[in-house]
Structure formats: structure tokens, C-alpha cells
């Protein structure tokens, strides 16, 4: 009988890997306890170690998007002004008729 594919939250993965990295539990013990394969634990551990340094990056995700947001707000403002001018021109042309 095939095993059902399970999904785990990022918090759970972090907690499991930290149990091993801090030495609180041995890898085999964690795998048995949570019924996960050792290859899965190894993948999670490798990913944490690779991406861990990005936790300390100076720019937060909100700062990364701040430039894009500012640009979009500028475009919205410009389009609003153009729309207002077009409405005034339309009203003026309609009043001439």
C-alpha cells in the first residue's frame, strides 16, 4: 500500500531540523518520532543551511518591493491626471454641441 503524500509547514520543518542541529535529539530519533525518511530530514537540513544566511540580509521583503510600489503609485497618479484632463476635454466638447 502506497503512502499518502504529506505536506509539512515551514515552521514544523524548522523545528525538526533545529532539534537535530542543537543536539537535542539524534537524526534517527527525530525521523522515527515524526515518521519521516532520513533523506527528507537531510534535504530540510541542507536547505536551512543554504538559505540561513539570507535571514540576516539587510533588506526585508517589504523594502525590496518598496521601489516597485513607488513606481506603480507614480503611474497611477499620472493616469489619474490624464483621465481627469480627458473628462474635462470631453465635457468641453459636449458643451460646444
Protein backbone atom coordinates (compact mmCIF):
# COMPACT_ATOMS: atom_id res chain seq x y z
CA UNK A 1 0.00 0.00 0.00
CA UNK A 2 1.43 3.35 -1.09
CA UNK A 3 2.00 6.08 1.45
CA UNK A 4 -0.05 9.23 1.12
CA UNK A 5 1.95 12.36 0.24
CA UNK A 6 2.17 14.56 3.33
CA UNK A 7 2.91 18.24 3.46
CA UNK A 8 4.65 19.96 6.34
CA UNK A 9 4.62 23.60 7.33
CA UNK A 10 7.83 25.58 7.22
CA UNK A 11 7.62 26.06 10.99
CA UNK A 12 7.45 22.30 11.52
CA UNK A 13 10.43 21.71 9.22
CA UNK A 14 12.44 24.36 11.04
CA UNK A 15 11.56 22.89 14.44
CA UNK A 16 12.54 19.37 13.37
CA UNK A 17 15.85 20.46 11.87
CA UNK A 18 16.67 22.59 14.90
CA UNK A 19 16.13 19.58 17.19
CA UNK A 20 18.92 17.85 15.29
CA UNK A 21 21.22 20.87 14.90
CA UNK A 22 21.04 21.81 18.58
CA UNK A 23 21.80 18.24 19.58
CA UNK A 24 18.54 17.83 21.49
CA UNK A 25 17.83 14.66 19.53
CA UNK A 26 19.65 12.38 17.14
CA UNK A 27 18.58 12.33 13.47
CA UNK A 28 17.32 8.75 13.63
CA UNK A 29 15.28 9.57 16.72
CA UNK A 30 13.66 12.58 15.03
CA UNK A 31 12.86 10.55 11.91
CA UNK A 32 11.21 7.81 13.95
CA UNK A 33 9.29 10.25 16.10
CA UNK A 34 7.85 12.18 13.15
CA UNK A 35 7.74 9.23 10.73
CA UNK A 36 9.85 10.90 8.07
CA UNK A 37 12.63 9.44 5.96
CA UNK A 38 16.22 10.36 6.76
CA UNK A 39 16.59 11.70 3.20
CA UNK A 40 13.73 14.14 3.88
CA UNK A 41 15.42 15.36 7.06
CA UNK A 42 18.70 15.71 5.18
CA UNK A 43 17.02 17.79 2.46
CA UNK A 44 15.40 20.07 5.03
CA UNK A 45 18.68 20.46 6.90
CA UNK A 46 20.60 21.24 3.71
CA UNK A 47 18.04 23.83 2.65
CA UNK A 48 18.16 25.53 6.05
CA UNK A 49 21.95 25.67 5.98
CA UNK A 50 21.97 27.06 2.42
CA UNK A 51 19.27 29.68 2.93
CA UNK A 52 20.07 30.52 6.54
CA UNK A 53 22.42 33.42 5.76
CA UNK A 54 19.60 35.23 3.94
CA UNK A 55 17.84 35.64 7.28
CA UNK A 56 20.39 38.33 8.13
CA UNK A 57 20.16 40.25 4.83
CA UNK A 58 19.71 43.97 5.36
CA UNK A 59 16.74 44.34 3.02
CA UNK A 60 13.46 42.92 4.17
CA UNK A 61 10.91 41.75 1.60
CA UNK A 62 8.89 44.93 2.13
CA UNK A 63 11.94 47.06 1.34
CA UNK A 64 12.60 45.07 -1.82
CA UNK A 65 9.11 45.86 -3.06
CA UNK A 66 9.12 49.50 -1.94
CA UNK A 67 10.71 50.68 -5.20
CA UNK A 68 8.18 48.80 -7.29
CA UNK A 69 5.30 50.15 -5.19
CA UNK A 70 6.58 53.72 -5.57
CA UNK A 71 6.80 53.30 -9.34
CA UNK A 72 3.27 51.90 -9.55
CA UNK A 73 1.91 54.73 -7.39
CA UNK A 74 3.58 57.25 -9.71
CA UNK A 75 1.97 55.62 -12.76
CA UNK A 76 -1.44 55.59 -11.04
CA UNK A 77 -1.10 59.30 -10.26
CA UNK A 78 -0.15 60.07 -13.84
CA UNK A 79 -3.08 58.05 -15.22
CA UNK A 80 -5.46 59.78 -12.80
CA UNK A 81 -4.35 63.19 -14.04
CA UNK A 82 -4.69 62.10 -17.68
CA UNK A 83 -8.18 60.75 -17.01
CA UNK A 84 -9.26 63.98 -15.32
CA UNK A 85 -7.93 66.01 -18.30
CA UNK A 86 -9.73 63.74 -20.76
CA UNK A 87 -13.01 64.12 -18.82
CA UNK A 88 -12.67 67.93 -18.86
CA UNK A 89 -11.96 67.90 -22.59
CA UNK A 90 -14.95 65.62 -23.19
CA UNK A 91 -17.23 67.89 -21.14
CA UNK A 92 -15.96 70.94 -23.02
CA UNK A 93 -16.53 69.28 -26.41
CA UNK A 94 -20.04 68.19 -25.38
CA UNK A 95 -20.91 71.73 -24.30
CA UNK A 96 -19.91 73.06 -27.76
CA UNK A 97 -22.52 70.86 -29.44
